[in-house]
Amino acid sequence: MKTRINPPRLFTLIAVGLLIGVAWLIADRPDREPPPDPEIPTRERADYFMEGFTIHAADATGRWQYRLSADDLYHFPERGVWSFARPEVEMFAEAGANWYGSAPRGSAWDQGQRVLLHEEVRFWRPESAVNRPLELETRELWFYPGDDRVETEAHAVLRQDTSYTEGVGARAWLDQQRIELQSEVRGHHELP
C-alpha cells in the first residue's frame, strides 16, 4: 500500500522547512548587524578630549570665579558643548565659605559660562565664621559663573543642620547668600 501526501500538505511541509533553514542561516551569522534605524541620528564625534583635567577661571579683575575638574572631557563641535564625567565645581565666594558642587555627569556651553551638572547633583557650602553649612540636592543644576548664580527646575532638597525644605525648582544667588525654592515647597524644621 502506497502512502500518498496530498499537495497542500506537501507545500506546507516545504514552506516550514525553508523557514527553519533561513532562520538557522540568519542566526548563524554573528557578524551581521541590524540595518540602521533612520530615526536615530549617527553618533556625534568629539573633535578632542582630555583626561583628568582642572580649569580655573577668573573675572576681568583677576578674582577667581570658579574651578572645574573632572575625570574626562569631550568636546562636540556640532553642538558646541563640552561633556565631562564626575565633575567637581568650586565657586569662589567674596565672603564666607566657597560653594562646591559634584555630580556623575556634566556639560558646559558658551566658553564655560553655562555649566550643567546632572544625575544626583550635590551642591553645598561648609560652615564658616559668617555662614552656617548648607546643602542642596537635585537631579540637575545649572551654574552661571559670571552671574554667581545657580538654578534648577527639577525637584530639590535644601538641608541645613537637622532641618530640610524641598520643592520644585530652586534659584540661588551666591554673592547674596540667598536661595529660593520656587513651588510645591514643604519642609521639616527643628528648633535649636
N, C-alpha and C. Protein backbone atom coordinates (compact mmCIF):
# COMPACT_ATOMS: atom_id res chain seq x y z
N MET A 1 0.83 -1.15 0.00
CA MET A 1 0.00 0.00 0.00
C MET A 1 0.88 1.23 0.00
N LYS A 2 0.63 2.11 -0.92
CA LYS A 2 1.40 3.33 -1.06
C LYS A 2 0.79 4.43 -0.18
N THR A 3 1.71 5.20 0.47
CA THR A 3 1.24 6.36 1.23
C THR A 3 1.29 7.56 0.31
N ARG A 4 0.25 8.24 0.31
CA ARG A 4 0.15 9.38 -0.59
C ARG A 4 0.00 10.67 0.23
N ILE A 5 0.81 11.72 -0.09
CA ILE A 5 0.72 13.02 0.57
C ILE A 5 0.00 13.95 -0.37
N ASN A 6 -1.04 14.59 0.15
CA ASN A 6 -1.78 15.49 -0.74
C ASN A 6 -0.98 16.78 -0.94
N PRO A 7 -1.15 17.45 -2.08
CA PRO A 7 -0.35 18.62 -2.43
C PRO A 7 -0.39 19.77 -1.41
N PRO A 8 -1.52 20.15 -0.79
CA PRO A 8 -1.48 21.24 0.19
C PRO A 8 -0.58 20.92 1.38
N ARG A 9 -0.57 19.68 1.85
CA ARG A 9 0.31 19.31 2.97
C ARG A 9 1.77 19.33 2.55
N LEU A 10 2.06 18.89 1.36
CA LEU A 10 3.42 18.91 0.84
C LEU A 10 3.94 20.34 0.77
N PHE A 11 3.13 21.26 0.32
CA PHE A 11 3.53 22.66 0.24
C PHE A 11 3.80 23.22 1.64
N THR A 12 2.95 22.89 2.62
CA THR A 12 3.14 23.35 4.00
C THR A 12 4.44 22.81 4.57
N LEU A 13 4.74 21.53 4.35
CA LEU A 13 5.99 20.94 4.85
C LEU A 13 7.21 21.60 4.23
N ILE A 14 7.17 21.86 2.95
CA ILE A 14 8.30 22.51 2.27
C ILE A 14 8.48 23.94 2.78
N ALA A 15 7.37 24.67 2.94
CA ALA A 15 7.44 26.06 3.42
C ALA A 15 8.02 26.13 4.82
N VAL A 16 7.56 25.24 5.72
CA VAL A 16 8.09 25.21 7.09
C VAL A 16 9.57 24.86 7.07
N GLY A 17 9.96 23.89 6.26
CA GLY A 17 11.37 23.51 6.16
C GLY A 17 12.24 24.66 5.68
N LEU A 18 11.76 25.39 4.68
CA LEU A 18 12.51 26.55 4.18
C LEU A 18 12.63 27.63 5.25
N LEU A 19 11.56 27.92 5.96
CA LEU A 19 11.61 28.94 7.03
C LEU A 19 12.61 28.55 8.12
N ILE A 20 12.63 27.28 8.50
CA ILE A 20 13.59 26.82 9.51
C ILE A 20 15.01 26.98 8.99
N GLY A 21 15.24 26.62 7.73
CA GLY A 21 16.57 26.76 7.14
C GLY A 21 17.04 28.21 7.08
N VAL A 22 16.16 29.11 6.67
CA VAL A 22 16.51 30.54 6.59
C VAL A 22 16.78 31.10 7.98
N ALA A 23 15.94 30.73 8.96
CA ALA A 23 16.15 31.21 10.33
C ALA A 23 17.48 30.72 10.87
N TRP A 24 17.84 29.48 10.58
CA TRP A 24 19.12 28.93 11.04
C TRP A 24 20.28 29.69 10.40
N LEU A 25 20.20 29.99 9.10
CA LEU A 25 21.27 30.74 8.42
C LEU A 25 21.43 32.13 8.99
N ILE A 26 20.33 32.81 9.27
CA ILE A 26 20.40 34.17 9.83
C ILE A 26 20.99 34.13 11.23
N ALA A 27 20.52 33.21 12.06
CA ALA A 27 21.00 33.13 13.44
C ALA A 27 22.46 32.71 13.50
N ASP A 28 22.95 32.02 12.49
CA ASP A 28 24.31 31.52 12.50
C ASP A 28 25.33 32.55 12.01
N ARG A 29 24.90 33.80 11.79
CA ARG A 29 25.82 34.84 11.31
C ARG A 29 26.02 35.88 12.40
N PRO A 30 26.99 35.69 13.32
CA PRO A 30 27.20 36.64 14.42
C PRO A 30 27.73 37.99 13.95
N ASP A 31 28.33 38.05 12.77
CA ASP A 31 28.88 39.32 12.28
C ASP A 31 27.83 40.21 11.64
N ARG A 32 26.64 39.72 11.48
CA ARG A 32 25.61 40.50 10.81
C ARG A 32 25.07 41.59 11.73
N GLU A 33 25.02 42.81 11.26
CA GLU A 33 24.50 43.94 12.03
C GLU A 33 23.10 44.26 11.54
N PRO A 34 22.23 44.71 12.44
CA PRO A 34 20.89 45.09 12.01
C PRO A 34 20.97 46.34 11.14
N PRO A 35 19.99 46.55 10.28
CA PRO A 35 20.03 47.75 9.45
C PRO A 35 19.90 49.00 10.32
N PRO A 36 20.49 50.12 9.92
CA PRO A 36 20.42 51.33 10.75
C PRO A 36 18.99 51.84 10.83
N ASP A 37 18.66 52.37 12.01
CA ASP A 37 17.34 52.94 12.23
C ASP A 37 17.37 54.39 11.73
N PRO A 38 16.52 54.76 10.77
CA PRO A 38 16.56 56.12 10.24
C PRO A 38 16.15 57.19 11.25
N GLU A 39 15.48 56.77 12.34
CA GLU A 39 15.05 57.73 13.36
C GLU A 39 16.18 58.13 14.30
N ILE A 40 17.24 57.31 14.38
CA ILE A 40 18.35 57.58 15.28
C ILE A 40 19.49 58.21 14.49
N PRO A 41 19.88 59.47 14.82
CA PRO A 41 20.97 60.09 14.07
C PRO A 41 22.30 59.39 14.35
N THR A 42 23.23 59.56 13.43
CA THR A 42 24.55 58.96 13.63
C THR A 42 25.20 59.57 14.86
N ARG A 43 25.99 58.80 15.54
CA ARG A 43 26.62 59.24 16.78
C ARG A 43 27.59 60.39 16.49
N GLU A 44 27.43 61.45 17.24
CA GLU A 44 28.29 62.62 17.07
C GLU A 44 29.69 62.29 17.57
N ARG A 45 30.68 62.78 16.86
CA ARG A 45 32.07 62.51 17.25
C ARG A 45 32.69 63.73 17.92
N ALA A 46 33.48 63.46 18.93
CA ALA A 46 34.23 64.52 19.60
C ALA A 46 35.44 64.89 18.75
N ASP A 47 35.78 66.20 18.74
CA ASP A 47 36.97 66.59 17.99
C ASP A 47 38.22 66.61 18.88
N TYR A 48 38.03 66.64 20.21
CA TYR A 48 39.16 66.45 21.13
C TYR A 48 38.64 66.02 22.49
N PHE A 49 39.56 65.50 23.31
CA PHE A 49 39.21 65.09 24.66
C PHE A 49 40.41 65.27 25.57
N MET A 50 40.14 65.33 26.88
CA MET A 50 41.19 65.41 27.90
C MET A 50 40.82 64.44 29.01
N GLU A 51 41.83 63.91 29.65
CA GLU A 51 41.62 63.06 30.81
C GLU A 51 42.20 63.74 32.03
N GLY A 52 41.49 63.68 33.15
CA GLY A 52 41.97 64.23 34.41
C GLY A 52 42.37 65.69 34.30
N PHE A 53 41.40 66.57 34.14
CA PHE A 53 41.73 67.98 33.91
C PHE A 53 41.15 68.87 35.00
N THR A 54 41.71 70.07 35.12
CA THR A 54 41.21 71.11 36.01
C THR A 54 41.30 72.44 35.29
N ILE A 55 40.23 73.20 35.35
CA ILE A 55 40.17 74.53 34.75
C ILE A 55 39.92 75.54 35.87
N HIS A 56 40.74 76.60 35.91
CA HIS A 56 40.50 77.72 36.82
C HIS A 56 40.08 78.92 35.98
N ALA A 57 39.03 79.62 36.39
CA ALA A 57 38.56 80.78 35.64
C ALA A 57 38.52 81.99 36.57
N ALA A 58 38.94 83.14 36.01
CA ALA A 58 38.93 84.40 36.76
C ALA A 58 38.11 85.42 35.99
N ASP A 59 37.62 86.45 36.71
CA ASP A 59 36.89 87.52 36.03
C ASP A 59 37.87 88.56 35.49
N ALA A 60 37.37 89.66 34.95
CA ALA A 60 38.22 90.69 34.32
C ALA A 60 39.17 91.35 35.32
N THR A 61 38.82 91.34 36.60
CA THR A 61 39.68 91.96 37.61
C THR A 61 40.74 90.99 38.14
N GLY A 62 40.65 89.72 37.73
CA GLY A 62 41.60 88.73 38.21
C GLY A 62 41.10 87.93 39.39
N ARG A 63 39.89 88.24 39.88
CA ARG A 63 39.32 87.49 41.01
C ARG A 63 38.90 86.11 40.51
N TRP A 64 39.27 85.06 41.26
CA TRP A 64 38.87 83.71 40.88
C TRP A 64 37.35 83.60 40.90
N GLN A 65 36.79 83.04 39.81
CA GLN A 65 35.34 82.80 39.74
C GLN A 65 35.02 81.37 40.11
N TYR A 66 35.66 80.42 39.43
CA TYR A 66 35.39 79.01 39.72
C TYR A 66 36.54 78.14 39.30
N ARG A 67 36.51 76.91 39.83
CA ARG A 67 37.43 75.85 39.45
C ARG A 67 36.58 74.66 39.07
N LEU A 68 36.85 74.05 37.93
CA LEU A 68 36.12 72.87 37.46
C LEU A 68 37.12 71.77 37.18
N SER A 69 36.93 70.61 37.79
CA SER A 69 37.77 69.46 37.49
C SER A 69 36.87 68.26 37.23
N ALA A 70 37.37 67.32 36.43
CA ALA A 70 36.60 66.12 36.09
C ALA A 70 37.55 65.02 35.64
N ASP A 71 37.02 63.80 35.58
CA ASP A 71 37.82 62.66 35.14
C ASP A 71 38.17 62.76 33.66
N ASP A 72 37.20 63.21 32.85
CA ASP A 72 37.47 63.38 31.43
C ASP A 72 36.57 64.45 30.84
N LEU A 73 36.96 64.95 29.69
CA LEU A 73 36.20 65.98 28.99
C LEU A 73 36.22 65.66 27.50
N TYR A 74 35.07 65.76 26.85
CA TYR A 74 34.94 65.58 25.41
C TYR A 74 34.28 66.82 24.83
N HIS A 75 34.80 67.32 23.72
CA HIS A 75 34.21 68.48 23.04
C HIS A 75 33.50 68.02 21.78
N PHE A 76 32.22 68.41 21.65
CA PHE A 76 31.41 68.07 20.49
C PHE A 76 31.13 69.34 19.70
N PRO A 77 31.82 69.54 18.58
CA PRO A 77 31.73 70.82 17.86
C PRO A 77 30.38 71.09 17.22
N GLU A 78 29.63 70.05 16.83
CA GLU A 78 28.34 70.28 16.18
C GLU A 78 27.37 71.04 17.08
N ARG A 79 27.41 70.74 18.38
CA ARG A 79 26.53 71.43 19.33
C ARG A 79 27.27 72.47 20.16
N GLY A 80 28.58 72.54 20.03
CA GLY A 80 29.36 73.49 20.82
C GLY A 80 29.29 73.19 22.31
N VAL A 81 29.38 71.92 22.67
CA VAL A 81 29.24 71.53 24.07
C VAL A 81 30.44 70.68 24.52
N TRP A 82 30.81 70.86 25.77
CA TRP A 82 31.79 70.01 26.43
C TRP A 82 31.02 69.08 27.35
N SER A 83 31.40 67.82 27.36
CA SER A 83 30.76 66.83 28.23
C SER A 83 31.82 66.22 29.11
N PHE A 84 31.54 66.07 30.41
CA PHE A 84 32.55 65.53 31.31
C PHE A 84 31.97 64.56 32.31
N ALA A 85 32.85 63.69 32.84
CA ALA A 85 32.47 62.67 33.81
C ALA A 85 32.96 63.05 35.19
N ARG A 86 32.12 62.82 36.18
CA ARG A 86 32.40 63.09 37.59
C ARG A 86 32.97 64.49 37.83
N PRO A 87 32.24 65.52 37.40
CA PRO A 87 32.74 66.88 37.62
C PRO A 87 32.64 67.31 39.08
N GLU A 88 33.58 68.16 39.46
CA GLU A 88 33.56 68.83 40.76
C GLU A 88 33.80 70.30 40.50
N VAL A 89 32.93 71.14 41.07
CA VAL A 89 33.00 72.58 40.86
C VAL A 89 33.21 73.28 42.19
N GLU A 90 34.06 74.29 42.19
CA GLU A 90 34.21 75.16 43.35
C GLU A 90 33.94 76.58 42.89
N MET A 91 32.95 77.24 43.50
CA MET A 91 32.62 78.63 43.19
C MET A 91 33.21 79.48 44.32
N PHE A 92 34.08 80.42 43.96
CA PHE A 92 34.79 81.23 44.95
C PHE A 92 33.90 82.37 45.44
N ALA A 93 33.73 82.45 46.75
CA ALA A 93 32.86 83.46 47.37
C ALA A 93 33.69 84.65 47.83
N GLU A 94 33.10 85.85 47.73
CA GLU A 94 33.77 87.05 48.24
C GLU A 94 33.72 87.09 49.75
N ALA A 95 32.64 86.54 50.33
CA ALA A 95 32.50 86.49 51.79
C ALA A 95 32.01 85.10 52.17
N GLY A 96 32.48 84.60 53.28
CA GLY A 96 32.06 83.29 53.74
C GLY A 96 32.77 82.17 52.99
N ALA A 97 32.28 80.97 53.20
CA ALA A 97 32.90 79.79 52.60
C ALA A 97 32.60 79.71 51.11
N ASN A 98 33.48 79.06 50.37
CA ASN A 98 33.23 78.80 48.95
C ASN A 98 32.11 77.77 48.81
N TRP A 99 31.47 77.74 47.63
CA TRP A 99 30.44 76.78 47.30
C TRP A 99 31.06 75.65 46.49
N TYR A 100 30.55 74.42 46.67
CA TYR A 100 31.07 73.26 45.97
C TYR A 100 29.91 72.48 45.33
N GLY A 101 30.18 71.85 44.21
CA GLY A 101 29.18 71.03 43.55
C GLY A 101 29.83 69.78 42.98
N SER A 102 29.08 68.68 42.96
CA SER A 102 29.58 67.44 42.36
C SER A 102 28.41 66.67 41.76
N ALA A 103 28.71 65.85 40.76
CA ALA A 103 27.69 65.05 40.07
C ALA A 103 28.39 63.97 39.25
N PRO A 104 27.65 62.94 38.83
CA PRO A 104 28.26 61.93 37.95
C PRO A 104 28.56 62.45 36.55
N ARG A 105 27.74 63.38 36.02
CA ARG A 105 27.91 63.89 34.65
C ARG A 105 27.77 65.40 34.64
N GLY A 106 28.36 66.03 33.62
CA GLY A 106 28.24 67.47 33.46
C GLY A 106 28.43 67.89 32.03
N SER A 107 28.00 69.10 31.71
CA SER A 107 28.16 69.68 30.37
C SER A 107 28.40 71.17 30.53
N ALA A 108 29.02 71.78 29.50
CA ALA A 108 29.26 73.23 29.54
C ALA A 108 29.11 73.80 28.13
N TRP A 109 28.62 75.05 28.06
CA TRP A 109 28.44 75.79 26.81
C TRP A 109 29.00 77.19 26.99
N ASP A 110 29.07 77.93 25.91
CA ASP A 110 29.44 79.35 25.92
C ASP A 110 30.74 79.62 26.68
N GLN A 111 31.78 78.89 26.30
CA GLN A 111 33.10 79.07 26.93
C GLN A 111 33.04 78.91 28.45
N GLY A 112 32.19 78.03 28.92
CA GLY A 112 32.10 77.76 30.35
C GLY A 112 31.22 78.72 31.12
N GLN A 113 30.47 79.56 30.44
CA GLN A 113 29.59 80.49 31.15
C GLN A 113 28.23 79.88 31.49
N ARG A 114 27.94 78.69 30.95
CA ARG A 114 26.76 77.90 31.33
C ARG A 114 27.24 76.48 31.58
N VAL A 115 27.11 76.01 32.80
CA VAL A 115 27.56 74.68 33.18
C VAL A 115 26.37 73.94 33.77
N LEU A 116 26.15 72.72 33.33
CA LEU A 116 25.06 71.89 33.84
C LEU A 116 25.64 70.65 34.50
N LEU A 117 25.29 70.44 35.76
CA LEU A 117 25.60 69.19 36.45
C LEU A 117 24.32 68.37 36.46
N HIS A 118 24.41 67.07 36.16
CA HIS A 118 23.19 66.28 36.17
C HIS A 118 23.43 64.89 36.72
N GLU A 119 22.32 64.26 37.13
CA GLU A 119 22.29 62.96 37.81
C GLU A 119 22.81 63.11 39.24
N GLU A 120 22.00 63.04 40.21
CA GLU A 120 22.39 63.07 41.63
C GLU A 120 23.38 64.20 41.94
N VAL A 121 22.92 65.43 41.76
CA VAL A 121 23.77 66.60 42.00
C VAL A 121 23.76 66.96 43.48
N ARG A 122 24.93 67.26 43.99
CA ARG A 122 25.09 67.73 45.37
C ARG A 122 25.81 69.08 45.29
N PHE A 123 25.21 70.11 45.90
CA PHE A 123 25.77 71.46 45.90
C PHE A 123 25.77 71.93 47.35
N TRP A 124 26.90 72.38 47.87
CA TRP A 124 26.97 72.70 49.29
C TRP A 124 27.97 73.80 49.58
N ARG A 125 27.81 74.34 50.79
CA ARG A 125 28.72 75.34 51.35
C ARG A 125 29.01 74.93 52.79
N PRO A 126 30.28 74.74 53.14
CA PRO A 126 30.60 74.37 54.52
C PRO A 126 30.43 75.57 55.46
N GLU A 127 30.49 75.30 56.71
CA GLU A 127 30.36 76.35 57.73
C GLU A 127 31.60 77.25 57.72
N SER A 128 31.37 78.53 57.98
CA SER A 128 32.49 79.48 58.15
C SER A 128 32.10 80.46 59.25
N ALA A 129 32.93 81.45 59.48
CA ALA A 129 32.65 82.44 60.52
C ALA A 129 31.40 83.27 60.21
N VAL A 130 31.02 83.35 58.93
CA VAL A 130 29.87 84.19 58.56
C VAL A 130 28.67 83.41 58.01
N ASN A 131 28.76 82.08 57.92
CA ASN A 131 27.61 81.33 57.42
C ASN A 131 27.53 79.94 58.04
N ARG A 132 26.31 79.41 58.07
CA ARG A 132 26.08 78.04 58.53
C ARG A 132 26.22 77.10 57.33
N PRO A 133 26.47 75.81 57.57
CA PRO A 133 26.57 74.88 56.44
C PRO A 133 25.21 74.72 55.76
N LEU A 134 25.25 74.47 54.46
CA LEU A 134 24.03 74.36 53.67
C LEU A 134 24.27 73.39 52.54
N GLU A 135 23.26 72.57 52.20
CA GLU A 135 23.41 71.60 51.11
C GLU A 135 22.13 71.54 50.29
N LEU A 136 22.30 71.50 48.95
CA LEU A 136 21.18 71.39 48.02
C LEU A 136 21.39 70.12 47.20
N GLU A 137 20.34 69.28 47.10
CA GLU A 137 20.40 68.06 46.30
C GLU A 137 19.32 68.12 45.23
N THR A 138 19.66 67.75 44.00
CA THR A 138 18.72 67.75 42.90
C THR A 138 19.25 66.84 41.80
N ARG A 139 18.52 66.70 40.70
CA ARG A 139 19.00 65.84 39.61
C ARG A 139 19.66 66.64 38.50
N GLU A 140 19.49 67.96 38.49
CA GLU A 140 20.20 68.80 37.53
C GLU A 140 20.35 70.19 38.11
N LEU A 141 21.49 70.81 37.87
CA LEU A 141 21.76 72.14 38.41
C LEU A 141 22.57 72.93 37.40
N TRP A 142 22.04 74.09 37.01
CA TRP A 142 22.73 74.99 36.08
C TRP A 142 23.56 75.99 36.87
N PHE A 143 24.83 76.15 36.47
CA PHE A 143 25.72 77.15 37.06
C PHE A 143 25.90 78.27 36.04
N TYR A 144 25.84 79.49 36.51
CA TYR A 144 26.15 80.66 35.68
C TYR A 144 27.27 81.42 36.41
N PRO A 145 28.52 81.01 36.22
CA PRO A 145 29.63 81.57 36.99
C PRO A 145 29.76 83.08 36.88
N GLY A 146 29.51 83.65 35.71
CA GLY A 146 29.63 85.10 35.55
C GLY A 146 28.62 85.88 36.36
N ASP A 147 27.50 85.24 36.69
CA ASP A 147 26.43 85.89 37.47
C ASP A 147 26.41 85.44 38.92
N ASP A 148 27.31 84.54 39.32
CA ASP A 148 27.32 83.98 40.67
C ASP A 148 25.95 83.43 41.06
N ARG A 149 25.34 82.65 40.15
CA ARG A 149 24.05 82.06 40.49
C ARG A 149 23.96 80.63 39.96
N VAL A 150 23.07 79.86 40.58
CA VAL A 150 22.74 78.51 40.15
C VAL A 150 21.23 78.36 40.18
N GLU A 151 20.71 77.42 39.37
CA GLU A 151 19.27 77.20 39.37
C GLU A 151 18.93 75.82 38.84
N THR A 152 17.74 75.38 39.18
CA THR A 152 17.20 74.12 38.67
C THR A 152 15.69 74.26 38.55
N GLU A 153 15.12 73.52 37.62
CA GLU A 153 13.66 73.43 37.51
C GLU A 153 13.18 72.09 38.05
N ALA A 154 14.10 71.24 38.49
CA ALA A 154 13.78 69.90 38.99
C ALA A 154 13.46 69.96 40.48
N HIS A 155 13.03 68.84 41.02
CA HIS A 155 12.81 68.70 42.46
C HIS A 155 14.13 68.94 43.17
N ALA A 156 14.09 69.67 44.28
CA ALA A 156 15.32 69.99 45.02
C ALA A 156 15.05 69.88 46.51
N VAL A 157 16.08 69.44 47.25
CA VAL A 157 16.01 69.36 48.71
C VAL A 157 17.12 70.22 49.27
N LEU A 158 16.76 71.14 50.15
CA LEU A 158 17.69 72.07 50.79
C LEU A 158 17.84 71.65 52.24
N ARG A 159 19.07 71.31 52.67
CA ARG A 159 19.31 70.85 54.04
C ARG A 159 20.20 71.84 54.77
N GLN A 160 19.81 72.09 56.04
CA GLN A 160 20.64 72.93 56.89
C GLN A 160 20.51 72.39 58.31
N ASP A 161 21.64 71.98 58.86
CA ASP A 161 21.67 71.32 60.17
C ASP A 161 20.73 70.11 60.12
N THR A 162 19.75 70.01 61.03
CA THR A 162 18.83 68.87 61.05
C THR A 162 17.51 69.18 60.35
N SER A 163 17.38 70.35 59.74
CA SER A 163 16.16 70.74 59.05
C SER A 163 16.32 70.58 57.54
N TYR A 164 15.19 70.45 56.85
CA TYR A 164 15.24 70.41 55.39
C TYR A 164 13.97 71.04 54.82
N THR A 165 14.10 71.56 53.62
CA THR A 165 12.98 72.11 52.86
C THR A 165 13.11 71.56 51.45
N GLU A 166 11.98 71.17 50.83
CA GLU A 166 12.04 70.66 49.47
C GLU A 166 10.97 71.33 48.63
N GLY A 167 11.19 71.33 47.33
CA GLY A 167 10.25 71.93 46.41
C GLY A 167 10.66 71.64 44.97
N VAL A 168 9.90 72.19 44.05
CA VAL A 168 10.19 72.04 42.63
C VAL A 168 10.76 73.35 42.13
N GLY A 169 11.99 73.30 41.65
CA GLY A 169 12.67 74.50 41.18
C GLY A 169 13.37 75.22 42.32
N ALA A 170 14.58 75.69 42.06
CA ALA A 170 15.34 76.45 43.06
C ALA A 170 16.26 77.42 42.33
N ARG A 171 16.47 78.57 42.95
CA ARG A 171 17.42 79.56 42.46
C ARG A 171 18.28 80.01 43.63
N ALA A 172 19.57 80.21 43.34
CA ALA A 172 20.50 80.67 44.38
C ALA A 172 21.36 81.78 43.82
N TRP A 173 21.44 82.88 44.55
CA TRP A 173 22.33 84.00 44.23
C TRP A 173 23.47 83.91 45.25
N LEU A 174 24.60 83.40 44.79
CA LEU A 174 25.68 83.06 45.70
C LEU A 174 26.32 84.28 46.34
N ASP A 175 26.46 85.37 45.59
CA ASP A 175 27.07 86.57 46.17
C ASP A 175 26.18 87.18 47.25
N GLN A 176 24.86 86.92 47.19
CA GLN A 176 23.93 87.42 48.21
C GLN A 176 23.66 86.37 49.29
N GLN A 177 24.20 85.17 49.11
CA GLN A 177 23.97 84.04 50.01
C GLN A 177 22.47 83.82 50.22
N ARG A 178 21.74 83.75 49.10
CA ARG A 178 20.27 83.62 49.14
C ARG A 178 19.83 82.48 48.22
N ILE A 179 18.96 81.61 48.73
CA ILE A 179 18.40 80.51 47.95
C ILE A 179 16.88 80.55 48.09
N GLU A 180 16.19 80.38 46.95
CA GLU A 180 14.73 80.34 46.95
C GLU A 180 14.26 79.04 46.30
N LEU A 181 13.30 78.38 46.93
CA LEU A 181 12.61 77.26 46.30
C LEU A 181 11.38 77.83 45.62
N GLN A 182 11.06 77.36 44.40
CA GLN A 182 10.07 78.02 43.56
C GLN A 182 8.62 77.59 43.78
N SER A 183 8.34 76.30 43.92
CA SER A 183 6.94 75.86 44.05
C SER A 183 6.86 74.54 44.80
N GLU A 184 5.64 74.19 45.21
CA GLU A 184 5.36 72.95 45.95
C GLU A 184 6.32 72.79 47.13
N VAL A 185 6.53 73.87 47.86
CA VAL A 185 7.51 73.90 48.93
C VAL A 185 6.91 73.33 50.22
N ARG A 186 7.67 72.46 50.86
CA ARG A 186 7.31 71.94 52.18
C ARG A 186 8.60 71.61 52.91
N GLY A 187 8.53 71.54 54.23
CA GLY A 187 9.76 71.29 54.95
C GLY A 187 9.55 70.71 56.32
N HIS A 188 10.67 70.41 56.94
CA HIS A 188 10.73 69.88 58.30
C HIS A 188 11.80 70.69 59.01
N HIS A 189 11.38 71.44 60.02
CA HIS A 189 12.33 72.33 60.70
C HIS A 189 12.36 72.01 62.18
N GLU A 190 13.56 71.84 62.70
CA GLU A 190 13.76 71.60 64.12
C GLU A 190 14.37 72.84 64.76
N LEU A 191 13.78 73.27 65.86
CA LEU A 191 14.29 74.44 66.55
C LEU A 191 15.55 74.06 67.34
N PRO A 192 16.51 74.99 67.40
CA PRO A 192 17.76 74.66 68.14
C PRO A 192 17.50 74.53 69.63
